Amino acid sequence: MPKIDDYIPIVGQSVIDDLRLLADHLKGKRIQHINSTAVGGGVAEILNRMVPLLKELGVNTHWDVIKGGEKFYDVTKKFHNALHGKEGDVSNEELATFLENGERNLKEMDLSADIVFVHDPQPITLVKKKKENKWIWRCHVDVSRPNPKVWEFLGKFIAQYDASVFSAPGFSPQLSIPQFLIAPSIDPLSDKNKELPPETIEAVLRKYNIVKDKPIVTQISRFDYLKDPVGVIEAFKQVRKYIDCQLILAGGTASDDPEGQKVLDEVMEKAKGVPDVHVLLMPHNDIEVNALQCASDVIVQKSIKEGFGLTISEALWKSKPVVAGNVGGIPLQVTHKYSGLLCHSVDGCAFAIKQLLNSPAYAKKLGENGREHVRNNFLLTRHLKEYMLLFLSLYHKEDVVYL
């Protein structure tokens, strides 16, 4: 795990000095992060990098994961889709399942930290145990058009928190508590984002029987309907009529996502008979993800809905040209025709991929612009600073301008 001073060559000494100063002001405070899974998805990935660095800075931080069975995660996946605006009813029985699981975790978890930082809906009911301490609810998904029933249900709990955090300005409906805008981040020194020697990249390609004899188009994401992997295959089929290239669809599943295997099965069926499509169910191996991104000529993130989409910042950090859905937090990372290309459909995705494969110089420039955009806005050091400022603001409300 990198040390905080290892980031100085990337972000500068002054940024690290600011982090140390803020951490000093948090001495004596205990901070507890809580989410639903230790592995899989952007939240776990960020916390795995952030918590050790906060500890090194002297901030008393720990991270707990709630417990839940298959039935509970079926309900929370339904919540996830509903918050993204998917139609369909959530039954009273499912709401009861959600509440019952919350009660079990309430009985088992120590929630006495000075600041309890709850991530996403799964652990949201823990706020019932709030006493004199401070509570933050962090929403990592796009709730700009949520299912009204689910949002009203969650709103009763959200109102009990001291503050809320969202990833993009358009995500948050009106709330009675203060709201903060804090975008996610990537760690430039993690195994997923650090520079790799060519022999490592070549070894990973050999492992998955991928020969770099033609351009590689890649999407790396959890197998999730909202990531539209089937749509990526459709776009690739259009591109391949004009350009001889290959597609990698790589990803894994998360322990709190029961739909993952079903989506993977549909992707495998759709890919049958389509030449040069590599569907890879990968373990959580960051070096391999890094290698596949580095080997790619174009990175795609054709999401239908997206909280943020850290795979985009990962790709841009490697100076790769990106084609992405114009949804959620993606436009914060991709400025159309400057740091990537945005699309709204399968046809649009295919057109953008063809444009980049046919114009290598243009693709290279977009990638270079994207790397600097990530350096300035989406690295872990910025994220650490904004979280610590948020923690401090809970004790100095008169000095805060809410966003």
Protein backbone atom coordinates (compact mmCIF):
# COMPACT_ATOMS: atom_id res chain seq x y z
CA MET A 1 0.00 0.00 0.00
CA PRO A 2 1.48 3.39 -0.97
CA LYS A 3 2.32 5.95 1.72
CA ILE A 4 0.92 9.46 1.59
CA ASP A 5 4.27 10.97 0.57
CA ASP A 6 4.36 8.68 -2.48
CA TYR A 7 1.72 10.93 -4.06
CA ILE A 8 3.92 14.03 -3.98
CA PRO A 9 5.41 13.48 -7.49
CA ILE A 10 1.87 13.27 -8.89
CA VAL A 11 -0.02 16.03 -7.04
CA GLY A 12 2.69 18.18 -5.45
CA GLN A 13 3.96 18.79 -1.92
CA SER A 14 1.39 21.47 -1.10
CA VAL A 15 -1.53 19.07 -1.60
CA ILE A 16 -0.02 16.60 0.88
CA ASP A 17 0.73 19.39 3.35
CA ASP A 18 -2.94 20.41 3.22
CA LEU A 19 -4.02 16.84 3.97
CA ARG A 20 -1.76 16.68 7.03
CA LEU A 21 -3.11 20.01 8.28
CA LEU A 22 -6.73 18.87 7.97
CA ALA A 23 -5.95 15.55 9.63
CA ASP A 24 -4.47 17.38 12.63
CA HIS A 25 -7.81 19.11 13.16
CA LEU A 26 -9.56 15.72 13.31
CA LYS A 27 -7.37 14.38 16.13
CA GLY A 28 -9.54 12.77 18.78
CA LYS A 29 -12.44 12.01 16.43
CA ARG A 30 -13.39 8.42 15.57
CA ILE A 31 -14.79 7.90 12.06
CA GLN A 32 -16.64 4.75 11.00
CA HIS A 33 -17.40 3.89 7.36
CA ILE A 34 -20.20 1.39 6.74
CA ASN A 35 -21.27 -0.24 3.46
CA SER A 36 -22.65 -3.54 2.18
CA THR A 37 -19.64 -5.34 0.68
CA ALA A 38 -15.89 -5.46 1.17
CA VAL A 39 -15.20 -6.53 -2.42
CA GLY A 40 -16.72 -5.55 -5.76
CA GLY A 41 -17.91 -2.17 -6.96
CA GLY A 42 -16.58 1.35 -6.66
CA VAL A 43 -17.50 1.97 -3.01
CA ALA A 44 -15.44 -0.94 -1.69
CA GLU A 45 -12.61 -0.05 -4.03
CA ILE A 46 -12.44 3.54 -2.79
CA LEU A 47 -12.65 2.57 0.89
CA ASN A 48 -9.91 -0.03 0.46
CA ARG A 49 -7.57 2.77 -0.65
CA MET A 50 -8.87 5.60 1.50
CA VAL A 51 -9.09 4.06 4.97
CA PRO A 52 -5.36 3.12 5.24
CA LEU A 53 -4.31 6.61 4.11
CA LEU A 54 -6.60 8.30 6.62
CA LYS A 55 -5.07 6.12 9.33
CA GLU A 56 -1.56 7.05 8.20
CA LEU A 57 -2.53 10.72 8.40
CA GLY A 58 -3.52 10.14 12.02
CA VAL A 59 -7.31 10.06 11.55
CA ASN A 60 -8.88 7.33 13.69
CA THR A 61 -10.84 5.56 10.94
CA HIS A 62 -12.31 2.09 10.57
CA TRP A 63 -14.62 0.35 8.10
CA ASP A 64 -17.42 -2.10 8.81
CA VAL A 65 -19.61 -4.14 6.45
CA ILE A 66 -23.22 -5.03 7.23
CA LYS A 67 -24.49 -8.59 7.08
CA GLY A 68 -27.28 -9.69 4.77
CA GLY A 69 -28.60 -12.83 3.14
CA GLU A 70 -29.69 -13.58 -0.41
CA LYS A 71 -33.25 -12.36 0.19
CA PHE A 72 -32.01 -9.01 1.53
CA TYR A 73 -29.66 -8.45 -1.42
CA ASP A 74 -32.45 -9.33 -3.86
CA VAL A 75 -34.41 -6.47 -2.32
CA THR A 76 -31.51 -4.01 -2.28
CA LYS A 77 -30.76 -4.76 -5.94
CA LYS A 78 -34.39 -3.93 -6.65
CA PHE A 79 -33.89 -0.71 -4.65
CA HIS A 80 -30.79 0.07 -6.71
CA ASN A 81 -32.67 -0.28 -9.99
CA ALA A 82 -35.66 1.67 -8.65
CA LEU A 83 -33.45 4.56 -7.54
CA HIS A 84 -32.10 4.69 -11.07
CA GLY A 85 -35.67 5.13 -12.28
CA LYS A 86 -36.52 1.57 -13.35
CA GLU A 87 -40.25 0.94 -13.34
CA GLY A 88 -41.70 -1.79 -11.18
CA ASP A 89 -43.22 -2.07 -7.75
CA VAL A 90 -41.40 -2.82 -4.52
CA SER A 91 -43.81 -4.74 -2.32
CA ASN A 92 -44.54 -4.12 1.34
CA GLU A 93 -43.13 -7.58 2.04
CA GLU A 94 -39.83 -6.56 0.42
CA LEU A 95 -39.75 -3.36 2.47
CA ALA A 96 -40.28 -5.49 5.57
CA THR A 97 -37.35 -7.74 4.57
CA PHE A 98 -35.17 -4.65 4.26
CA LEU A 99 -36.20 -3.38 7.69
CA GLU A 100 -35.76 -6.75 9.38
CA ASN A 101 -32.21 -7.08 8.10
CA GLY A 102 -31.49 -3.57 9.35
CA GLU A 103 -32.72 -4.51 12.81
CA ARG A 104 -30.36 -7.50 12.92
CA ASN A 105 -27.40 -5.29 12.05
CA LEU A 106 -28.49 -2.65 14.58
CA LYS A 107 -28.26 -5.25 17.34
CA GLU A 108 -24.82 -6.47 16.30
CA MET A 109 -22.91 -3.32 15.29
CA ASP A 110 -21.11 -0.86 17.52
CA LEU A 111 -22.17 2.56 16.19
CA SER A 112 -20.56 4.76 18.81
CA ALA A 113 -17.98 6.50 16.58
CA ASP A 114 -17.99 10.30 16.57
CA ILE A 115 -18.85 10.29 12.86
CA VAL A 116 -20.73 7.39 11.27
CA PHE A 117 -20.43 7.51 7.48
CA VAL A 118 -23.05 5.29 5.81
CA HIS A 119 -22.69 4.43 2.12
CA ASP A 120 -25.77 3.83 -0.06
CA PRO A 121 -29.21 2.47 0.88
CA GLN A 122 -28.30 -0.98 2.18
CA PRO A 123 -27.18 0.19 5.69
CA ILE A 124 -29.37 3.31 5.79
CA THR A 125 -31.60 2.19 8.69
CA LEU A 126 -28.64 2.07 11.09
CA VAL A 127 -29.29 5.77 11.76
CA LYS A 128 -32.04 4.62 14.15
CA LYS A 129 -29.19 4.10 16.63
CA LYS A 130 -28.05 7.72 16.34
CA LYS A 131 -27.32 9.43 19.62
CA GLU A 132 -25.14 12.51 20.12
CA ASN A 133 -22.74 11.52 17.34
CA LYS A 134 -22.76 12.80 13.76
CA TRP A 135 -24.15 10.79 10.84
CA ILE A 136 -23.54 11.19 7.10
CA TRP A 137 -25.38 9.40 4.31
CA ARG A 138 -23.39 9.00 1.09
CA CYS A 139 -25.39 8.23 -2.06
CA HIS A 140 -23.22 6.75 -4.83
CA VAL A 141 -26.04 6.26 -7.36
CA ASP A 142 -27.98 8.56 -9.66
CA VAL A 143 -31.22 9.44 -7.85
CA SER A 144 -32.27 12.26 -10.15
CA ARG A 145 -35.46 10.37 -11.13
CA PRO A 146 -36.01 7.78 -8.41
CA ASN A 147 -38.99 5.50 -7.99
CA PRO A 148 -41.27 7.65 -5.73
CA LYS A 149 -42.26 4.82 -3.37
CA VAL A 150 -38.67 3.74 -2.71
CA TRP A 151 -37.41 7.30 -2.37
CA GLU A 152 -40.20 8.21 0.07
CA PHE A 153 -39.39 5.10 2.10
CA LEU A 154 -35.68 5.94 2.25
CA GLY A 155 -36.39 9.63 2.84
CA LYS A 156 -37.70 8.94 6.34
CA PHE A 157 -34.24 7.66 7.25
CA ILE A 158 -32.26 10.23 5.25
CA ALA A 159 -33.97 13.02 7.20
CA GLN A 160 -32.40 11.70 10.42
CA TYR A 161 -28.83 12.21 9.14
CA ASP A 162 -26.76 15.33 9.75
CA ALA A 163 -25.57 15.59 6.14
CA SER A 164 -25.80 13.89 2.76
CA VAL A 165 -23.28 13.51 -0.05
CA PHE A 166 -23.92 13.08 -3.79
CA SER A 167 -21.58 12.58 -6.75
CA ALA A 168 -23.04 15.05 -9.24
CA PRO A 169 -25.12 18.24 -9.07
CA GLY A 170 -28.15 16.76 -10.84
CA PHE A 171 -28.44 13.68 -8.65
CA SER A 172 -30.08 14.98 -5.52
CA PRO A 173 -33.79 15.64 -5.03
CA GLN A 174 -34.83 18.24 -2.47
CA LEU A 175 -33.88 17.22 1.07
CA SER A 176 -34.35 18.71 4.52
CA ILE A 177 -30.70 18.12 5.50
CA PRO A 178 -27.50 19.73 4.15
CA GLN A 179 -26.16 18.29 0.90
CA PHE A 180 -22.54 18.14 -0.27
CA LEU A 181 -21.17 17.47 -3.74
CA ILE A 182 -18.14 15.15 -3.66
CA ALA A 183 -17.17 13.14 -6.73
CA PRO A 184 -15.54 9.70 -6.40
CA SER A 185 -11.88 9.17 -7.26
CA ILE A 186 -9.22 6.72 -8.37
CA ASP A 187 -5.91 5.95 -6.73
CA PRO A 188 -3.11 6.58 -9.27
CA LEU A 189 -0.76 4.31 -7.31
CA SER A 190 -3.08 1.33 -6.95
CA ASP A 191 -2.45 -1.89 -8.84
CA LYS A 192 -5.30 -0.93 -11.15
CA ASN A 193 -3.81 2.43 -12.14
CA LYS A 194 -0.04 2.31 -11.75
CA GLU A 195 2.23 1.98 -14.76
CA LEU A 196 2.87 -1.60 -15.85
CA PRO A 197 5.86 -3.01 -17.72
CA PRO A 198 5.07 -4.34 -21.23
CA GLU A 199 5.84 -7.92 -20.21
CA THR A 200 3.09 -7.83 -17.56
CA ILE A 201 0.54 -6.62 -20.10
CA GLU A 202 1.62 -9.30 -22.57
CA ALA A 203 1.36 -12.02 -19.91
CA VAL A 204 -2.24 -11.08 -19.11
CA LEU A 205 -3.19 -11.09 -22.81
CA ARG A 206 -1.63 -14.55 -23.17
CA LYS A 207 -3.55 -15.79 -20.12
CA TYR A 208 -6.85 -14.86 -21.76
CA ASN A 209 -5.78 -15.96 -25.27
CA ILE A 210 -5.97 -12.45 -26.68
CA VAL A 211 -3.66 -11.69 -29.59
CA LYS A 212 -2.99 -8.02 -30.24
CA ASP A 213 -3.03 -8.42 -34.02
CA LYS A 214 -5.96 -6.03 -34.48
CA PRO A 215 -7.38 -3.07 -32.49
CA ILE A 216 -8.93 -3.88 -29.11
CA VAL A 217 -12.18 -2.29 -27.91
CA THR A 218 -12.86 -2.94 -24.22
CA GLN A 219 -15.55 -2.48 -21.62
CA ILE A 220 -14.67 -3.43 -18.04
CA SER A 221 -17.57 -3.35 -15.58
CA ARG A 222 -19.63 -5.52 -13.31
CA PHE A 223 -22.05 -7.62 -15.35
CA ASP A 224 -25.06 -5.40 -14.74
CA TYR A 225 -28.00 -4.47 -16.98
CA LEU A 226 -27.31 -0.78 -16.35
CA LYS A 227 -23.83 -1.17 -17.89
CA ASP A 228 -25.52 -2.48 -21.09
CA PRO A 229 -22.94 -5.12 -22.09
CA VAL A 230 -25.39 -6.54 -24.65
CA GLY A 231 -25.60 -3.07 -26.22
CA VAL A 232 -21.81 -3.01 -26.43
CA ILE A 233 -21.87 -6.27 -28.42
CA GLU A 234 -24.46 -4.78 -30.77
CA ALA A 235 -22.31 -1.69 -31.30
CA PHE A 236 -19.23 -3.86 -31.88
CA LYS A 237 -21.06 -5.86 -34.56
CA GLN A 238 -21.72 -2.61 -36.41
CA VAL A 239 -18.10 -1.47 -36.09
CA ARG A 240 -16.75 -4.80 -37.26
CA LYS A 241 -18.53 -4.45 -40.61
CA TYR A 242 -16.05 -1.68 -41.44
CA ILE A 243 -12.99 -2.23 -39.20
CA ASP A 244 -11.34 -5.54 -38.33
CA CYS A 245 -11.13 -5.31 -34.54
CA GLN A 246 -11.86 -7.31 -31.40
CA LEU A 247 -13.97 -6.75 -28.28
CA ILE A 248 -13.20 -7.52 -24.65
CA LEU A 249 -16.09 -7.55 -22.17
CA ALA A 250 -14.48 -8.14 -18.81
CA GLY A 251 -15.78 -7.92 -15.30
CA GLY A 252 -16.84 -9.66 -12.17
CA THR A 253 -19.73 -9.75 -9.79
CA ALA A 254 -20.30 -8.16 -6.38
CA SER A 255 -21.49 -10.08 -3.32
CA ASP A 256 -24.43 -7.67 -2.93
CA ASP A 257 -25.56 -7.99 -6.59
CA PRO A 258 -27.66 -11.12 -7.21
CA GLU A 259 -28.29 -10.27 -10.89
CA GLY A 260 -24.66 -10.56 -11.96
CA GLN A 261 -24.72 -14.21 -13.05
CA LYS A 262 -27.97 -13.74 -14.98
CA VAL A 263 -26.51 -10.81 -16.91
CA LEU A 264 -23.32 -12.74 -17.62
CA ASP A 265 -25.34 -15.67 -19.00
CA GLU A 266 -27.21 -13.31 -21.35
CA VAL A 267 -23.95 -11.75 -22.51
CA MET A 268 -22.44 -15.17 -23.22
CA GLU A 269 -25.51 -16.13 -25.24
CA LYS A 270 -25.42 -12.86 -27.21
CA ALA A 271 -21.71 -13.30 -27.96
CA LYS A 272 -22.18 -16.78 -29.46
CA GLY A 273 -21.25 -16.80 -33.10
CA VAL A 274 -19.81 -13.27 -33.05
CA PRO A 275 -16.12 -13.48 -34.04
CA ASP A 276 -13.44 -11.78 -31.94
CA VAL A 277 -15.56 -11.25 -28.81
CA HIS A 278 -13.80 -12.14 -25.55
CA VAL A 279 -16.15 -12.36 -22.54
CA LEU A 280 -14.02 -12.63 -19.40
CA LEU A 281 -15.37 -13.36 -15.94
CA MET A 282 -12.43 -12.14 -13.95
CA PRO A 283 -11.56 -12.42 -10.29
CA HIS A 284 -10.94 -9.14 -8.50
CA ASN A 285 -7.44 -8.83 -9.94
CA ASP A 286 -6.51 -5.18 -10.37
CA ILE A 287 -3.28 -5.88 -12.23
CA GLU A 288 -5.22 -7.78 -14.89
CA VAL A 289 -7.79 -4.99 -15.23
CA ASN A 290 -4.95 -2.49 -15.58
CA ALA A 291 -3.23 -4.63 -18.21
CA LEU A 292 -6.40 -5.01 -20.30
CA GLN A 293 -7.03 -1.27 -20.20
CA CYS A 294 -3.43 -0.55 -21.19
CA ALA A 295 -3.64 -3.00 -24.11
CA SER A 296 -6.86 -1.46 -25.44
CA ASP A 297 -7.19 1.04 -28.26
CA VAL A 298 -10.62 2.30 -27.19
CA ILE A 299 -12.36 1.96 -23.81
CA VAL A 300 -16.16 1.88 -23.76
CA GLN A 301 -18.54 2.51 -20.87
CA LYS A 302 -21.97 2.28 -22.48
CA SER A 303 -23.99 2.73 -19.31
CA ILE A 304 -27.73 3.33 -19.44
CA LYS A 305 -27.62 4.71 -15.89
CA GLU A 306 -24.47 5.45 -13.91
CA GLY A 307 -23.68 6.83 -10.49
CA PHE A 308 -20.22 7.88 -11.62
CA GLY A 309 -18.33 5.17 -13.49
CA LEU A 310 -14.79 4.99 -12.11
CA THR A 311 -13.69 2.81 -15.03
CA ILE A 312 -13.78 5.98 -17.12
CA SER A 313 -11.32 7.84 -14.90
CA GLU A 314 -9.16 4.72 -14.85
CA ALA A 315 -9.06 4.64 -18.64
CA LEU A 316 -8.45 8.38 -18.99
CA TRP A 317 -5.62 8.20 -16.44
CA LYS A 318 -3.96 5.75 -18.85
CA SER A 319 -4.49 8.31 -21.67
CA LYS A 320 -6.97 6.02 -23.42
CA PRO A 321 -9.74 7.43 -25.64
CA VAL A 322 -13.16 6.75 -24.14
CA VAL A 323 -16.65 6.29 -25.58
CA ALA A 324 -19.30 6.50 -22.87
CA GLY A 325 -23.01 6.90 -22.31
CA ASN A 326 -24.11 10.47 -21.64
CA VAL A 327 -25.66 9.62 -18.26
CA GLY A 328 -25.15 10.14 -14.54
CA GLY A 329 -21.68 11.22 -13.48
CA ILE A 330 -20.05 10.34 -16.79
CA PRO A 331 -20.24 13.89 -18.28
CA LEU A 332 -18.26 15.13 -15.26
CA GLN A 333 -15.37 13.02 -16.55
CA VAL A 334 -15.91 13.13 -20.32
CA THR A 335 -16.30 16.47 -22.05
CA HIS A 336 -17.55 15.56 -25.51
CA LYS A 337 -14.86 15.90 -28.18
CA TYR A 338 -12.33 17.09 -25.58
CA SER A 339 -11.65 14.24 -23.17
CA GLY A 340 -13.71 11.56 -24.89
CA LEU A 341 -16.88 10.97 -26.90
CA LEU A 342 -20.38 10.71 -25.41
CA CYS A 343 -23.16 8.63 -26.95
CA HIS A 344 -26.88 8.09 -26.49
CA SER A 345 -27.54 4.84 -28.36
CA VAL A 346 -26.05 1.69 -29.85
CA ASP A 347 -25.70 3.45 -33.20
CA GLY A 348 -24.02 6.44 -31.56
CA CYS A 349 -21.63 4.19 -29.66
CA ALA A 350 -20.67 2.36 -32.85
CA PHE A 351 -20.14 5.63 -34.74
CA ALA A 352 -17.86 6.98 -31.98
CA ILE A 353 -15.78 3.79 -31.83
CA LYS A 354 -15.32 3.86 -35.61
CA GLN A 355 -14.29 7.53 -35.46
CA LEU A 356 -11.59 6.82 -32.87
CA LEU A 357 -10.25 3.70 -34.59
CA ASN A 358 -10.06 5.57 -37.90
CA SER A 359 -8.39 8.66 -36.38
CA PRO A 360 -5.52 7.54 -34.10
CA ALA A 361 -4.12 11.06 -33.71
CA TYR A 362 -7.51 12.39 -32.61
CA ALA A 363 -7.95 9.46 -30.23
CA LYS A 364 -4.51 10.09 -28.74
CA LYS A 365 -5.31 13.77 -28.12
CA LEU A 366 -8.58 12.93 -26.37
CA GLY A 367 -6.73 10.50 -24.13
CA GLU A 368 -4.07 13.05 -23.23
CA ASN A 369 -6.70 15.66 -22.38
CA GLY A 370 -8.54 13.09 -20.30
CA ARG A 371 -5.47 12.24 -18.23
CA GLU A 372 -4.96 15.87 -17.23
CA HIS A 373 -8.65 16.24 -16.43
CA VAL A 374 -8.41 13.25 -14.07
CA ARG A 375 -5.19 14.58 -12.53
CA ASN A 376 -6.93 17.86 -11.70
CA ASN A 377 -10.27 16.48 -10.52
CA PHE A 378 -10.57 12.77 -9.78
CA LEU A 379 -7.54 11.55 -7.84
CA LEU A 380 -7.75 10.12 -4.32
CA THR A 381 -5.91 13.02 -2.70
CA ARG A 382 -8.68 15.45 -3.71
CA HIS A 383 -11.25 13.00 -2.36
CA LEU A 384 -9.45 12.72 0.99
CA LYS A 385 -9.32 16.48 1.33
CA GLU A 386 -13.04 16.93 0.64
CA TYR A 387 -14.05 14.16 3.03
CA MET A 388 -11.97 15.64 5.84
CA LEU A 389 -13.44 19.09 5.16
CA LEU A 390 -16.88 17.48 5.35
CA PHE A 391 -16.06 15.87 8.70
CA LEU A 392 -14.86 19.19 10.10
CA SER A 393 -17.91 21.03 8.77
CA LEU A 394 -20.15 18.94 11.00
CA TYR A 395 -18.63 20.72 13.98
CA HIS A 396 -18.48 24.20 12.39
CA LYS A 397 -21.83 24.54 10.65
CA GLU A 398 -21.84 28.33 10.84
CA ASP A 399 -18.81 28.45 8.53
CA VAL A 400 -20.20 26.16 5.83
CA VAL A 401 -21.66 27.04 2.45
CA TYR A 402 -23.76 24.02 1.39
CA LEU A 403 -23.65 22.88 -2.22
